[in-house]
Amino acid sequence: MSNSQSTGLPVWVQERDTVIANDAGVEWREGKRPDYAETNEFLKKGSKFNHPEGSLEAIAQNLVRTFEMEASYKANPEQWLSIVADQFRMTTNGGPEYNAQTVADIGTYNVFLGDTEHYRSTEETFESSIEIFHNAFPNGFLWELMEVLSGPPNVTFKWRHWGTFSGSFKGHEPTGETIEVFGISIARVTEDLKIVSLEHFFDNSLFLKQLTSGCPFHSQNSNNS
């Protein structure tokens, strides 16, 4: 597997399709490469930031997208190019630290959200969390970097998650609205731009409130009976 392409940058800070193409020996969760063709189209339509190729913003964005892709589709963290597998730690809002294997086992949604009134990560699996949010956001829950606040080795950046709430969420009706979540993360990286740790900070209660503000299906059904 080649570690660099014509840009001279490591593969893992290039477009994630480049990372996917360099997959010699990779064990994909579903036995095949993920296909981001549709996701890329929705990104083009919904992104608010267009970072110049090779800029720190573009590099950091590519790195985080590569990490998210690898955590979602590569079951073995030793095959994740974006991280230092034996050192990696991830936290959300100052909560528990999770190592790479735990992130691979329970999924990024469960690490990201924790236990709240409307979603309990400890009661969900990797598979169930993916199903819940893919159902709520059939066109994807997309991510982009907004601004880099400080450069390596502690890359601090603002980000935006968004998606159209067009499917149900745990029995709550879809609203058809665009749900947006904003946050700040700190990625501690090595000299060759592999992630050693990720700290995320955002209001997870506000995010879930947007998904549960509509009437649950059972309430609608009872009104029609």
C-alpha atoms as a PDB file:
ATOM      1  CA  MET A   1       0.000   0.000   0.000  1.00  0.00           C
ATOM      2  CA  SER A   2       1.381   3.349  -1.030  1.00  0.00           C
ATOM      3  CA  ASN A   3       1.563   6.001   1.677  1.00  0.00           C
ATOM      4  CA  SER A   4       1.559   8.986  -0.678  1.00  0.00           C
ATOM      5  CA  GLN A   5       0.290  10.083  -4.051  1.00  0.00           C
ATOM      6  CA  SER A   6       1.292  12.786  -6.542  1.00  0.00           C
ATOM      7  CA  THR A   7       0.410  15.561  -4.081  1.00  0.00           C
ATOM      8  CA  GLY A   8       3.273  14.541  -1.812  1.00  0.00           C
ATOM      9  CA  LEU A   9       0.848  14.393   1.136  1.00  0.00           C
ATOM     10  CA  PRO A  10       0.181  11.174   3.045  1.00  0.00           C
ATOM     11  CA  VAL A  11      -2.780   9.233   1.661  1.00  0.00           C
ATOM     12  CA  TRP A  12      -4.791   9.648   4.859  1.00  0.00           C
ATOM     13  CA  VAL A  13      -4.971  13.444   4.487  1.00  0.00           C
ATOM     14  CA  GLN A  14      -6.126  13.260   0.889  1.00  0.00           C
ATOM     15  CA  GLU A  15      -9.712  12.719  -0.311  1.00  0.00           C
ATOM     16  CA  ARG A  16     -11.191   9.641   1.363  1.00  0.00           C
ATOM     17  CA  ASP A  17     -11.865   8.049  -2.050  1.00  0.00           C
ATOM     18  CA  THR A  18      -8.085   7.975  -2.468  1.00  0.00           C
ATOM     19  CA  VAL A  19      -7.758   6.186   0.878  1.00  0.00           C
ATOM     20  CA  ILE A  20     -10.431   3.696  -0.156  1.00  0.00           C
ATOM     21  CA  ALA A  21      -8.654   3.002  -3.447  1.00  0.00           C
ATOM     22  CA  ASN A  22      -5.422   2.204  -1.568  1.00  0.00           C
ATOM     23  CA  ASP A  23      -6.938  -0.794   0.209  1.00  0.00           C
ATOM     24  CA  ALA A  24      -4.573  -3.691  -0.472  1.00  0.00           C
ATOM     25  CA  GLY A  25      -5.143  -6.217   2.315  1.00  0.00           C
ATOM     26  CA  VAL A  26      -7.939  -4.220   3.974  1.00  0.00           C
ATOM     27  CA  GLU A  27     -10.777  -6.217   5.538  1.00  0.00           C
ATOM     28  CA  TRP A  28     -13.908  -4.178   4.888  1.00  0.00           C
ATOM     29  CA  ARG A  29     -16.840  -4.780   7.251  1.00  0.00           C
ATOM     30  CA  GLU A  30     -19.223  -5.704   4.439  1.00  0.00           C
ATOM     31  CA  GLY A  31     -16.584  -7.381   2.312  1.00  0.00           C
ATOM     32  CA  LYS A  32     -16.398  -4.534  -0.186  1.00  0.00           C
ATOM     33  CA  ARG A  33     -15.257  -0.936  -0.453  1.00  0.00           C
ATOM     34  CA  PRO A  34     -17.703   1.736   0.747  1.00  0.00           C
ATOM     35  CA  ASP A  35     -19.201   3.852  -2.022  1.00  0.00           C
ATOM     36  CA  TYR A  36     -19.403   7.578  -1.291  1.00  0.00           C
ATOM     37  CA  ALA A  37     -20.671   8.630  -4.739  1.00  0.00           C
ATOM     38  CA  GLU A  38     -24.101   9.762  -3.503  1.00  0.00           C
ATOM     39  CA  THR A  39     -22.676  11.249  -0.311  1.00  0.00           C
ATOM     40  CA  ASN A  40     -20.206  13.320  -2.314  1.00  0.00           C
ATOM     41  CA  GLU A  41     -23.074  14.751  -4.365  1.00  0.00           C
ATOM     42  CA  PHE A  42     -24.971  15.779  -1.229  1.00  0.00           C
ATOM     43  CA  LEU A  43     -21.747  17.276   0.152  1.00  0.00           C
ATOM     44  CA  LYS A  44     -21.355  19.426  -2.964  1.00  0.00           C
ATOM     45  CA  LYS A  45     -24.918  20.694  -2.630  1.00  0.00           C
ATOM     46  CA  GLY A  46     -24.941  21.285   1.125  1.00  0.00           C
ATOM     47  CA  SER A  47     -21.401  22.362   2.017  1.00  0.00           C
ATOM     48  CA  LYS A  48     -20.924  25.985   3.026  1.00  0.00           C
ATOM     49  CA  PHE A  49     -17.119  25.950   2.918  1.00  0.00           C
ATOM     50  CA  ASN A  50     -14.810  25.281  -0.004  1.00  0.00           C
ATOM     51  CA  HIS A  51     -11.286  24.932   1.346  1.00  0.00           C
ATOM     52  CA  PRO A  52      -8.418  25.256  -1.157  1.00  0.00           C
ATOM     53  CA  GLU A  53      -6.638  21.981  -1.870  1.00  0.00           C
ATOM     54  CA  GLY A  54      -3.519  21.653   0.271  1.00  0.00           C
ATOM     55  CA  SER A  55      -4.687  24.203   2.847  1.00  0.00           C
ATOM     56  CA  LEU A  56      -4.577  23.289   6.521  1.00  0.00           C
ATOM     57  CA  GLU A  57      -8.383  23.330   6.535  1.00  0.00           C
ATOM     58  CA  ALA A  58      -8.596  20.868   3.630  1.00  0.00           C
ATOM     59  CA  ILE A  59      -5.947  18.608   5.151  1.00  0.00           C
ATOM     60  CA  ALA A  60      -7.645  18.520   8.557  1.00  0.00           C
ATOM     61  CA  GLN A  61     -11.052  17.939   6.966  1.00  0.00           C
ATOM     62  CA  ASN A  62      -9.727  15.047   4.879  1.00  0.00           C
ATOM     63  CA  LEU A  63      -8.046  13.509   7.921  1.00  0.00           C
ATOM     64  CA  VAL A  64     -11.226  13.553  10.005  1.00  0.00           C
ATOM     65  CA  ARG A  65     -13.335  12.235   7.134  1.00  0.00           C
ATOM     66  CA  THR A  66     -10.822   9.428   6.641  1.00  0.00           C
ATOM     67  CA  PHE A  67     -11.011   8.580  10.332  1.00  0.00           C
ATOM     68  CA  GLU A  68     -14.822   8.512  10.268  1.00  0.00           C
ATOM     69  CA  MET A  69     -14.799   6.306   7.166  1.00  0.00           C
ATOM     70  CA  GLU A  70     -12.283   3.893   8.669  1.00  0.00           C
ATOM     71  CA  ALA A  71     -14.113   3.686  11.995  1.00  0.00           C
ATOM     72  CA  SER A  72     -17.345   2.937  10.123  1.00  0.00           C
ATOM     73  CA  TYR A  73     -16.079   0.454   7.546  1.00  0.00           C
ATOM     74  CA  LYS A  74     -12.822  -1.110   8.809  1.00  0.00           C
ATOM     75  CA  ALA A  75     -13.392  -3.436  11.763  1.00  0.00           C
ATOM     76  CA  ASN A  76      -9.669  -3.761  12.534  1.00  0.00           C
ATOM     77  CA  PRO A  77      -8.132  -0.518  13.912  1.00  0.00           C
ATOM     78  CA  GLU A  78      -4.679  -1.790  12.990  1.00  0.00           C
ATOM     79  CA  GLN A  79      -5.711  -1.094   9.386  1.00  0.00           C
ATOM     80  CA  TRP A  80      -6.803   2.496  10.058  1.00  0.00           C
ATOM     81  CA  LEU A  81      -4.283   4.771   8.339  1.00  0.00           C
ATOM     82  CA  SER A  82      -5.593   7.910  10.048  1.00  0.00           C
ATOM     83  CA  ILE A  83      -4.558   7.062  13.624  1.00  0.00           C
ATOM     84  CA  VAL A  84      -1.790   5.690  15.824  1.00  0.00           C
ATOM     85  CA  ALA A  85      -3.792   2.624  16.788  1.00  0.00           C
ATOM     86  CA  ASP A  86      -2.047   1.666  20.032  1.00  0.00           C
ATOM     87  CA  GLN A  87      -2.157   5.226  21.389  1.00  0.00           C
ATOM     88  CA  PHE A  88      -5.466   6.528  20.065  1.00  0.00           C
ATOM     89  CA  ARG A  89      -8.049   7.898  22.510  1.00  0.00           C
ATOM     90  CA  MET A  90     -11.354   9.681  21.864  1.00  0.00           C
ATOM     91  CA  THR A  91     -13.584  11.658  24.227  1.00  0.00           C
ATOM     92  CA  THR A  92     -16.773  13.711  23.983  1.00  0.00           C
ATOM     93  CA  ASN A  93     -17.530  16.673  26.247  1.00  0.00           C
ATOM     94  CA  GLY A  94     -14.886  15.608  28.753  1.00  0.00           C
ATOM     95  CA  GLY A  95     -16.443  12.161  29.193  1.00  0.00           C
ATOM     96  CA  PRO A  96     -14.834   8.698  29.244  1.00  0.00           C
ATOM     97  CA  GLU A  97     -11.836   7.909  27.072  1.00  0.00           C
ATOM     98  CA  TYR A  98     -12.349   5.272  24.379  1.00  0.00           C
ATOM     99  CA  ASN A  99      -9.516   3.458  22.621  1.00  0.00           C
ATOM    100  CA  ALA A 100      -9.537   2.537  18.947  1.00  0.00           C
ATOM    101  CA  GLN A 101     -10.828  -0.991  19.443  1.00  0.00           C
ATOM    102  CA  THR A 102     -13.759   0.223  21.531  1.00  0.00           C
ATOM    103  CA  VAL A 103     -14.621   2.837  18.907  1.00  0.00           C
ATOM    104  CA  ALA A 104     -14.534   0.052  16.299  1.00  0.00           C
ATOM    105  CA  ASP A 105     -16.730  -2.181  18.448  1.00  0.00           C
ATOM    106  CA  ILE A 106     -19.460   0.271  19.521  1.00  0.00           C
ATOM    107  CA  GLY A 107     -19.306   2.843  16.714  1.00  0.00           C
ATOM    108  CA  THR A 108     -18.706   6.577  16.549  1.00  0.00           C
ATOM    109  CA  TYR A 109     -22.366   7.512  17.128  1.00  0.00           C
ATOM    110  CA  ASN A 110     -22.325   5.777  20.512  1.00  0.00           C
ATOM    111  CA  VAL A 111     -19.011   7.343  21.510  1.00  0.00           C
ATOM    112  CA  PHE A 112     -20.205  10.725  20.273  1.00  0.00           C
ATOM    113  CA  LEU A 113     -23.607  10.832  21.981  1.00  0.00           C
ATOM    114  CA  GLY A 114     -23.254   8.941  25.271  1.00  0.00           C
ATOM    115  CA  ASP A 115     -26.289   8.449  27.498  1.00  0.00           C
ATOM    116  CA  THR A 116     -28.958  11.151  27.354  1.00  0.00           C
ATOM    117  CA  GLU A 117     -32.713  11.433  27.824  1.00  0.00           C
ATOM    118  CA  HIS A 118     -33.464  10.626  24.181  1.00  0.00           C
ATOM    119  CA  TYR A 119     -30.605   8.285  23.289  1.00  0.00           C
ATOM    120  CA  ARG A 120     -28.688   5.815  25.432  1.00  0.00           C
ATOM    121  CA  SER A 121     -25.458   4.639  23.854  1.00  0.00           C
ATOM    122  CA  THR A 122     -25.018   1.909  26.467  1.00  0.00           C
ATOM    123  CA  GLU A 123     -28.211   0.289  25.184  1.00  0.00           C
ATOM    124  CA  GLU A 124     -27.245   0.407  21.504  1.00  0.00           C
ATOM    125  CA  THR A 125     -24.812  -1.620  19.414  1.00  0.00           C
ATOM    126  CA  PHE A 126     -22.641  -0.567  16.489  1.00  0.00           C
ATOM    127  CA  GLU A 127     -25.259  -1.986  14.115  1.00  0.00           C
ATOM    128  CA  SER A 128     -28.325  -0.517  15.848  1.00  0.00           C
ATOM    129  CA  SER A 129     -26.785   2.960  16.059  1.00  0.00           C
ATOM    130  CA  ILE A 130     -26.019   2.937  12.336  1.00  0.00           C
ATOM    131  CA  GLU A 131     -29.573   1.809  11.557  1.00  0.00           C
ATOM    132  CA  ILE A 132     -31.150   4.485  13.793  1.00  0.00           C
ATOM    133  CA  PHE A 133     -29.303   7.421  12.236  1.00  0.00           C
ATOM    134  CA  HIS A 134     -29.328   6.134   8.672  1.00  0.00           C
ATOM    135  CA  ASN A 135     -33.087   5.809   9.048  1.00  0.00           C
ATOM    136  CA  ALA A 136     -33.394   9.375  10.374  1.00  0.00           C
ATOM    137  CA  PHE A 137     -31.063  10.790   7.691  1.00  0.00           C
ATOM    138  CA  PRO A 138     -31.494   8.665   4.526  1.00  0.00           C
ATOM    139  CA  ASN A 139     -29.344  11.099   2.532  1.00  0.00           C
ATOM    140  CA  GLY A 140     -26.599  11.043   5.141  1.00  0.00           C
ATOM    141  CA  PHE A 141     -25.606  13.036   8.206  1.00  0.00           C
ATOM    142  CA  LEU A 142     -22.825  15.011   6.580  1.00  0.00           C
ATOM    143  CA  TRP A 143     -19.770  16.662   8.114  1.00  0.00           C
ATOM    144  CA  GLU A 144     -17.490  19.526   7.149  1.00  0.00           C
ATOM    145  CA  LEU A 145     -14.764  21.525   8.816  1.00  0.00           C
ATOM    146  CA  MET A 146     -15.543  25.226   9.159  1.00  0.00           C
ATOM    147  CA  GLU A 147     -12.347  26.779  10.474  1.00  0.00           C
ATOM    148  CA  VAL A 148      -8.976  25.731  11.890  1.00  0.00           C
ATOM    149  CA  LEU A 149      -8.183  27.652  15.069  1.00  0.00           C
ATOM    150  CA  SER A 150      -4.708  26.233  15.725  1.00  0.00           C
ATOM    151  CA  GLY A 151      -2.308  24.082  13.746  1.00  0.00           C
ATOM    152  CA  PRO A 152      -0.338  20.914  14.557  1.00  0.00           C
ATOM    153  CA  PRO A 153       0.443  19.231  16.811  1.00  0.00           C
ATOM    154  CA  ASN A 154      -2.864  20.144  18.518  1.00  0.00           C
ATOM    155  CA  VAL A 155      -5.213  20.938  15.654  1.00  0.00           C
ATOM    156  CA  THR A 156      -8.267  22.760  17.002  1.00  0.00           C
ATOM    157  CA  PHE A 157     -11.126  23.261  14.597  1.00  0.00           C
ATOM    158  CA  LYS A 158     -14.793  24.197  14.327  1.00  0.00           C
ATOM    159  CA  TRP A 159     -17.109  21.835  12.471  1.00  0.00           C
ATOM    160  CA  ARG A 160     -20.643  21.438  11.201  1.00  0.00           C
ATOM    161  CA  HIS A 161     -22.783  18.285  10.929  1.00  0.00           C
ATOM    162  CA  TRP A 162     -26.018  18.468   8.950  1.00  0.00           C
ATOM    163  CA  GLY A 163     -28.665  16.334   7.306  1.00  0.00           C
ATOM    164  CA  THR A 164     -32.320  16.332   6.235  1.00  0.00           C
ATOM    165  CA  PHE A 165     -34.515  14.753   8.894  1.00  0.00           C
ATOM    166  CA  SER A 166     -36.658  12.809   6.411  1.00  0.00           C
ATOM    167  CA  GLY A 167     -36.942   9.480   8.231  1.00  0.00           C
ATOM    168  CA  SER A 168     -38.206   8.625  11.688  1.00  0.00           C
ATOM    169  CA  PHE A 169     -36.012   8.709  14.792  1.00  0.00           C
ATOM    170  CA  LYS A 170     -36.939   6.149  17.483  1.00  0.00           C
ATOM    171  CA  GLY A 171     -40.656   6.573  16.756  1.00  0.00           C
ATOM    172  CA  HIS A 172     -40.597  10.338  16.254  1.00  0.00           C
ATOM    173  CA  GLU A 173     -41.972  11.661  12.977  1.00  0.00           C
ATOM    174  CA  PRO A 174     -39.586  13.248  10.467  1.00  0.00           C
ATOM    175  CA  THR A 175     -39.942  16.996  10.009  1.00  0.00           C
ATOM    176  CA  GLY A 176     -38.207  17.298   6.640  1.00  0.00           C
ATOM    177  CA  GLU A 177     -36.057  20.038   8.127  1.00  0.00           C
ATOM    178  CA  THR A 178     -32.301  20.383   7.901  1.00  0.00           C
ATOM    179  CA  ILE A 179     -30.781  19.503  11.271  1.00  0.00           C
ATOM    180  CA  GLU A 180     -27.495  21.264  11.994  1.00  0.00           C
ATOM    181  CA  VAL A 181     -25.008  20.582  14.783  1.00  0.00           C
ATOM    182  CA  PHE A 182     -21.945  22.717  15.466  1.00  0.00           C
ATOM    183  CA  GLY A 183     -18.965  21.886  17.621  1.00  0.00           C
ATOM    184  CA  ILE A 184     -15.254  22.195  18.293  1.00  0.00           C
ATOM    185  CA  SER A 185     -12.709  19.380  18.277  1.00  0.00           C
ATOM    186  CA  ILE A 186      -9.053  19.036  19.149  1.00  0.00           C
ATOM    187  CA  ALA A 187      -6.984  16.483  17.243  1.00  0.00           C
ATOM    188  CA  ARG A 188      -3.518  15.792  18.593  1.00  0.00           C
ATOM    189  CA  VAL A 189      -1.451  14.542  15.663  1.00  0.00           C
ATOM    190  CA  THR A 190       2.008  13.162  14.943  1.00  0.00           C
ATOM    191  CA  GLU A 191       4.536  14.761  12.612  1.00  0.00           C
ATOM    192  CA  ASP A 192       3.142  12.699   9.721  1.00  0.00           C
ATOM    193  CA  LEU A 193      -0.422  13.786  10.619  1.00  0.00           C
ATOM    194  CA  LYS A 194      -1.813  10.636  12.211  1.00  0.00           C
ATOM    195  CA  ILE A 195      -4.328  11.166  15.021  1.00  0.00           C
ATOM    196  CA  VAL A 196      -3.206  10.305  18.545  1.00  0.00           C
ATOM    197  CA  SER A 197      -6.298  11.661  20.291  1.00  0.00           C
ATOM    198  CA  LEU A 198      -9.601  13.356  19.484  1.00  0.00           C
ATOM    199  CA  GLU A 199     -11.610  15.528  21.858  1.00  0.00           C
ATOM    200  CA  HIS A 200     -15.082  16.633  20.768  1.00  0.00           C
ATOM    201  CA  PHE A 201     -17.206  19.366  22.337  1.00  0.00           C
ATOM    202  CA  PHE A 202     -20.819  20.011  21.295  1.00  0.00           C
ATOM    203  CA  ASP A 203     -24.350  20.202  22.705  1.00  0.00           C
ATOM    204  CA  ASN A 204     -25.634  16.659  22.188  1.00  0.00           C
ATOM    205  CA  SER A 205     -28.889  17.439  24.029  1.00  0.00           C
ATOM    206  CA  LEU A 206     -29.721  20.177  21.501  1.00  0.00           C
ATOM    207  CA  PHE A 207     -29.075  17.805  18.616  1.00  0.00           C
ATOM    208  CA  LEU A 208     -31.375  15.128  20.031  1.00  0.00           C
ATOM    209  CA  LYS A 209     -34.032  17.685  20.944  1.00  0.00           C
ATOM    210  CA  GLN A 210     -34.276  18.598  17.259  1.00  0.00           C
ATOM    211  CA  LEU A 211     -34.971  14.941  16.464  1.00  0.00           C
ATOM    212  CA  THR A 212     -37.606  14.472  19.171  1.00  0.00           C
ATOM    213  CA  SER A 213     -39.514  17.766  19.011  1.00  0.00           C
ATOM    214  CA  GLY A 214     -42.231  16.277  16.788  1.00  0.00           C
ATOM    215  CA  CYS A 215     -45.019  14.024  18.008  1.00  0.00           C
ATOM    216  CA  PRO A 216     -44.171  10.337  18.371  1.00  0.00           C
ATOM    217  CA  PHE A 217     -45.993   8.003  15.998  1.00  0.00           C
ATOM    218  CA  HIS A 218     -48.027   6.470  18.822  1.00  0.00           C
ATOM    219  CA  SER A 219     -49.435   9.905  19.708  1.00  0.00           C
ATOM    220  CA  GLN A 220     -50.536  10.463  16.127  1.00  0.00           C
ATOM    221  CA  ASN A 221     -52.081   7.023  15.941  1.00  0.00           C
ATOM    222  CA  SER A 222     -53.983   7.516  19.199  1.00  0.00           C
ATOM    223  CA  ASN A 223     -55.416  10.807  17.897  1.00  0.00           C
ATOM    224  CA  ASN A 224     -56.690   9.043  14.784  1.00  0.00           C
ATOM    225  CA  SER A 225     -58.360   6.223  16.669  1.00  0.00           C
END
